[in-house]
Amino acid sequence: MNVAALTFIATAYCLGPDAPGPRTAAGTLPVPGFTIAADPAVLPLGSIVVIEGLGERQVHDRGSAVKGRHVDLFVATCAEARAWGRRPVRVRVLHRGGAR
């Protein structure tokens, strides 16, 4: 199945001192290079996507600032998150999760 890529805004997050805890909204531990947060109205928990240039990621989290076509990539360090900044990415949905 050939699914068209959509443009999203990507930011990055880490487990900094203000993090609510080490668990994601899905109850898992976040994994750098795999876990992303998204607006559950757009990409429900459990959704699997391919981000062009980065590869496959799975939605395990959500965030109060993550709205609409926005993904937040979990990274290993807060320095990486700051360096990533905010940039457009192309996202292809492979599987749409079911939890809202």
N, C-alpha and C. Protein backbone atom coordinates (compact mmCIF):
# COMPACT_ATOMS: atom_id res chain seq x y z
N MET A 1 0.85 -1.18 0.00
CA MET A 1 0.00 0.00 0.00
C MET A 1 0.89 1.24 0.00
N ASN A 2 0.64 2.16 -0.90
CA ASN A 2 1.41 3.38 -1.01
C ASN A 2 0.63 4.52 -0.35
N VAL A 3 1.08 4.97 0.80
CA VAL A 3 0.41 6.02 1.55
C VAL A 3 1.18 7.31 1.37
N ALA A 4 0.47 8.38 1.04
CA ALA A 4 1.11 9.67 0.83
C ALA A 4 1.69 10.21 2.13
N ALA A 5 2.83 10.87 2.02
CA ALA A 5 3.45 11.51 3.18
C ALA A 5 2.82 12.87 3.40
N LEU A 6 2.62 13.22 4.65
CA LEU A 6 2.08 14.51 5.04
C LEU A 6 3.15 15.30 5.76
N THR A 7 3.09 16.62 5.65
CA THR A 7 4.05 17.46 6.35
C THR A 7 3.57 17.72 7.77
N PHE A 8 4.46 17.46 8.73
CA PHE A 8 4.23 17.72 10.14
C PHE A 8 5.35 18.64 10.62
N ILE A 9 5.14 19.27 11.76
CA ILE A 9 6.22 19.97 12.46
C ILE A 9 6.77 18.99 13.48
N ALA A 10 8.08 18.89 13.55
CA ALA A 10 8.73 18.00 14.52
C ALA A 10 9.54 18.81 15.52
N THR A 11 9.35 18.48 16.78
CA THR A 11 10.17 18.99 17.87
C THR A 11 10.74 17.76 18.56
N ALA A 12 11.55 17.96 19.58
CA ALA A 12 12.13 16.83 20.30
C ALA A 12 12.00 17.08 21.80
N TYR A 13 11.91 15.98 22.56
CA TYR A 13 11.82 16.10 24.01
C TYR A 13 12.71 15.07 24.68
N CYS A 14 12.99 15.32 25.96
CA CYS A 14 13.86 14.45 26.75
C CYS A 14 13.23 14.32 28.14
N LEU A 15 13.82 13.47 28.95
CA LEU A 15 13.37 13.35 30.34
C LEU A 15 14.20 14.30 31.19
N GLY A 16 13.81 15.55 31.18
CA GLY A 16 14.50 16.57 31.96
C GLY A 16 13.97 16.61 33.39
N PRO A 17 14.47 17.54 34.17
CA PRO A 17 14.07 17.62 35.58
C PRO A 17 12.59 17.96 35.79
N ASP A 18 11.94 18.55 34.79
CA ASP A 18 10.52 18.90 34.92
C ASP A 18 9.59 17.83 34.35
N ALA A 19 10.14 16.72 33.91
CA ALA A 19 9.32 15.66 33.32
C ALA A 19 8.40 15.07 34.39
N PRO A 20 7.16 14.73 33.99
CA PRO A 20 6.21 14.19 34.96
C PRO A 20 6.58 12.79 35.44
N GLY A 21 7.50 12.13 34.79
CA GLY A 21 7.92 10.78 35.18
C GLY A 21 8.53 10.07 33.99
N PRO A 22 9.07 8.89 34.24
CA PRO A 22 9.75 8.20 33.14
C PRO A 22 8.81 7.43 32.19
N ARG A 23 7.56 7.31 32.53
CA ARG A 23 6.63 6.53 31.70
C ARG A 23 5.90 7.43 30.70
N THR A 24 5.59 6.85 29.54
CA THR A 24 4.81 7.56 28.52
C THR A 24 3.32 7.43 28.83
N ALA A 25 2.50 8.09 28.04
CA ALA A 25 1.05 7.98 28.19
C ALA A 25 0.57 6.55 27.94
N ALA A 26 1.34 5.79 27.17
CA ALA A 26 0.98 4.39 26.89
C ALA A 26 1.47 3.46 28.01
N GLY A 27 2.18 4.02 29.01
CA GLY A 27 2.67 3.22 30.12
C GLY A 27 4.02 2.56 29.88
N THR A 28 4.68 2.94 28.79
CA THR A 28 5.98 2.35 28.45
C THR A 28 7.11 3.30 28.82
N LEU A 29 8.32 2.77 28.87
CA LEU A 29 9.48 3.63 29.00
C LEU A 29 9.83 4.16 27.62
N PRO A 30 10.09 5.46 27.47
CA PRO A 30 10.41 5.99 26.14
C PRO A 30 11.76 5.48 25.65
N VAL A 31 11.84 5.26 24.34
CA VAL A 31 13.06 4.75 23.71
C VAL A 31 13.54 5.78 22.69
N PRO A 32 14.76 6.32 22.87
CA PRO A 32 15.29 7.27 21.89
C PRO A 32 15.32 6.63 20.50
N GLY A 33 14.91 7.41 19.50
CA GLY A 33 14.92 6.90 18.13
C GLY A 33 13.73 6.04 17.78
N PHE A 34 12.78 5.89 18.70
CA PHE A 34 11.59 5.07 18.44
C PHE A 34 10.31 5.73 18.95
N THR A 35 10.33 6.25 20.16
CA THR A 35 9.13 6.83 20.79
C THR A 35 8.88 8.24 20.29
N ILE A 36 7.62 8.52 19.94
CA ILE A 36 7.21 9.89 19.62
C ILE A 36 5.92 10.20 20.36
N ALA A 37 5.68 11.49 20.53
CA ALA A 37 4.42 11.99 21.06
C ALA A 37 3.67 12.64 19.90
N ALA A 38 2.35 12.53 19.94
CA ALA A 38 1.52 13.13 18.90
C ALA A 38 0.17 13.49 19.49
N ASP A 39 -0.56 14.31 18.77
CA ASP A 39 -1.94 14.65 19.13
C ASP A 39 -2.78 13.40 18.89
N PRO A 40 -3.42 12.83 19.93
CA PRO A 40 -4.18 11.60 19.74
C PRO A 40 -5.36 11.73 18.76
N ALA A 41 -5.81 12.95 18.49
CA ALA A 41 -6.87 13.14 17.50
C ALA A 41 -6.34 12.95 16.08
N VAL A 42 -5.02 13.12 15.90
CA VAL A 42 -4.39 12.97 14.59
C VAL A 42 -3.72 11.60 14.47
N LEU A 43 -2.92 11.25 15.47
CA LEU A 43 -2.21 9.96 15.51
C LEU A 43 -2.42 9.35 16.89
N PRO A 44 -3.40 8.46 17.04
CA PRO A 44 -3.66 7.85 18.34
C PRO A 44 -2.48 7.03 18.85
N LEU A 45 -2.45 6.81 20.17
CA LEU A 45 -1.42 5.96 20.76
C LEU A 45 -1.37 4.63 20.03
N GLY A 46 -0.17 4.15 19.78
CA GLY A 46 0.02 2.89 19.07
C GLY A 46 0.21 3.05 17.58
N SER A 47 -0.02 4.24 17.05
CA SER A 47 0.19 4.47 15.61
C SER A 47 1.65 4.28 15.27
N ILE A 48 1.90 3.72 14.09
CA ILE A 48 3.26 3.52 13.59
C ILE A 48 3.43 4.37 12.35
N VAL A 49 4.50 5.16 12.33
CA VAL A 49 4.75 6.07 11.20
C VAL A 49 6.18 5.92 10.72
N VAL A 50 6.41 6.38 9.50
CA VAL A 50 7.77 6.53 9.00
C VAL A 50 8.00 8.02 8.79
N ILE A 51 9.06 8.52 9.43
CA ILE A 51 9.44 9.91 9.26
C ILE A 51 10.61 9.93 8.29
N GLU A 52 10.41 10.59 7.15
CA GLU A 52 11.44 10.59 6.11
C GLU A 52 12.77 11.07 6.68
N GLY A 53 13.81 10.32 6.40
CA GLY A 53 15.14 10.63 6.87
C GLY A 53 15.45 10.14 8.27
N LEU A 54 14.43 9.69 9.01
CA LEU A 54 14.63 9.22 10.38
C LEU A 54 14.21 7.77 10.57
N GLY A 55 13.24 7.30 9.79
CA GLY A 55 12.80 5.92 9.90
C GLY A 55 11.50 5.75 10.67
N GLU A 56 11.28 4.51 11.09
CA GLU A 56 10.02 4.14 11.74
C GLU A 56 9.99 4.58 13.19
N ARG A 57 8.84 5.09 13.60
CA ARG A 57 8.61 5.53 14.98
C ARG A 57 7.21 5.09 15.40
N GLN A 58 7.00 5.00 16.72
CA GLN A 58 5.67 4.62 17.23
C GLN A 58 5.21 5.65 18.25
N VAL A 59 3.91 5.99 18.17
CA VAL A 59 3.32 6.96 19.09
C VAL A 59 3.04 6.25 20.42
N HIS A 60 3.79 6.66 21.45
CA HIS A 60 3.58 6.14 22.80
C HIS A 60 3.26 7.24 23.78
N ASP A 61 3.24 8.48 23.30
CA ASP A 61 3.07 9.60 24.22
C ASP A 61 2.25 10.70 23.58
N ARG A 62 1.83 11.63 24.41
CA ARG A 62 1.13 12.84 23.95
C ARG A 62 1.63 13.97 24.83
N GLY A 63 1.39 15.18 24.43
CA GLY A 63 1.85 16.32 25.22
C GLY A 63 0.89 17.48 25.06
N SER A 64 0.84 18.32 26.07
CA SER A 64 -0.11 19.43 26.04
C SER A 64 0.19 20.41 24.91
N ALA A 65 1.45 20.49 24.48
CA ALA A 65 1.82 21.41 23.40
C ALA A 65 1.82 20.73 22.04
N VAL A 66 1.52 19.44 21.99
CA VAL A 66 1.55 18.68 20.73
C VAL A 66 0.12 18.65 20.18
N LYS A 67 -0.13 19.53 19.22
CA LYS A 67 -1.48 19.68 18.66
C LYS A 67 -1.43 19.61 17.14
N GLY A 68 -2.43 18.99 16.54
CA GLY A 68 -2.52 18.94 15.08
C GLY A 68 -1.40 18.11 14.48
N ARG A 69 -0.89 18.57 13.34
CA ARG A 69 0.18 17.85 12.64
C ARG A 69 1.53 18.22 13.25
N HIS A 70 1.76 17.69 14.43
CA HIS A 70 2.98 17.96 15.19
C HIS A 70 3.40 16.64 15.83
N VAL A 71 4.65 16.26 15.67
CA VAL A 71 5.20 15.11 16.38
C VAL A 71 6.36 15.60 17.24
N ASP A 72 6.51 14.98 18.39
CA ASP A 72 7.57 15.30 19.33
C ASP A 72 8.42 14.04 19.47
N LEU A 73 9.67 14.09 19.06
CA LEU A 73 10.55 12.93 19.03
C LEU A 73 11.27 12.79 20.37
N PHE A 74 11.22 11.61 20.96
CA PHE A 74 11.97 11.40 22.20
C PHE A 74 13.43 11.17 21.86
N VAL A 75 14.31 11.93 22.51
CA VAL A 75 15.76 11.80 22.30
C VAL A 75 16.44 11.54 23.64
N ALA A 76 17.68 11.07 23.58
CA ALA A 76 18.40 10.62 24.78
C ALA A 76 18.78 11.76 25.72
N THR A 77 19.09 12.93 25.18
CA THR A 77 19.54 14.02 26.04
C THR A 77 18.79 15.31 25.75
N CYS A 78 18.74 16.16 26.75
CA CYS A 78 18.09 17.46 26.56
C CYS A 78 18.90 18.35 25.61
N ALA A 79 20.21 18.14 25.54
CA ALA A 79 21.03 18.88 24.58
C ALA A 79 20.62 18.52 23.15
N GLU A 80 20.33 17.24 22.90
CA GLU A 80 19.85 16.81 21.58
C GLU A 80 18.51 17.46 21.27
N ALA A 81 17.63 17.51 22.26
CA ALA A 81 16.30 18.11 22.06
C ALA A 81 16.42 19.58 21.68
N ARG A 82 17.28 20.30 22.40
CA ARG A 82 17.49 21.73 22.10
C ARG A 82 18.09 21.90 20.70
N ALA A 83 19.06 21.05 20.36
CA ALA A 83 19.72 21.15 19.06
C ALA A 83 18.76 20.86 17.91
N TRP A 84 17.79 19.96 18.14
CA TRP A 84 16.82 19.62 17.09
C TRP A 84 15.99 20.84 16.73
N GLY A 85 15.52 21.55 17.73
CA GLY A 85 14.69 22.73 17.49
C GLY A 85 13.31 22.36 16.99
N ARG A 86 12.89 23.04 15.96
CA ARG A 86 11.56 22.86 15.37
C ARG A 86 11.74 22.84 13.87
N ARG A 87 11.32 21.76 13.22
CA ARG A 87 11.53 21.69 11.76
C ARG A 87 10.43 20.87 11.10
N PRO A 88 10.17 21.14 9.83
CA PRO A 88 9.17 20.36 9.10
C PRO A 88 9.73 18.97 8.75
N VAL A 89 8.88 17.97 8.81
CA VAL A 89 9.24 16.60 8.41
C VAL A 89 8.08 16.02 7.61
N ARG A 90 8.38 15.02 6.80
CA ARG A 90 7.35 14.30 6.05
C ARG A 90 7.07 13.00 6.78
N VAL A 91 5.78 12.74 7.05
CA VAL A 91 5.36 11.58 7.84
C VAL A 91 4.40 10.73 7.03
N ARG A 92 4.67 9.43 7.00
CA ARG A 92 3.78 8.45 6.38
C ARG A 92 3.23 7.54 7.46
N VAL A 93 1.93 7.36 7.51
CA VAL A 93 1.29 6.51 8.52
C VAL A 93 1.26 5.09 8.00
N LEU A 94 1.88 4.17 8.74
CA LEU A 94 1.85 2.74 8.37
C LEU A 94 0.69 2.03 9.05
N HIS A 95 0.42 2.42 10.30
CA HIS A 95 -0.66 1.81 11.07
C HIS A 95 -1.24 2.87 12.00
N ARG A 96 -2.54 2.99 11.98
CA ARG A 96 -3.21 3.94 12.86
C ARG A 96 -3.64 3.22 14.13
N GLY A 97 -3.13 3.69 15.27
CA GLY A 97 -3.46 3.08 16.56
C GLY A 97 -4.92 3.26 16.91
N GLY A 98 -5.34 2.59 17.95
CA GLY A 98 -6.75 2.63 18.32
C GLY A 98 -7.08 3.39 19.57
N ALA A 99 -6.09 3.61 20.45
CA ALA A 99 -6.38 4.29 21.72
C ALA A 99 -6.43 5.79 21.52
N ARG A 100 -7.42 6.41 22.05
CA ARG A 100 -7.52 7.88 22.03
C ARG A 100 -7.40 8.36 23.43
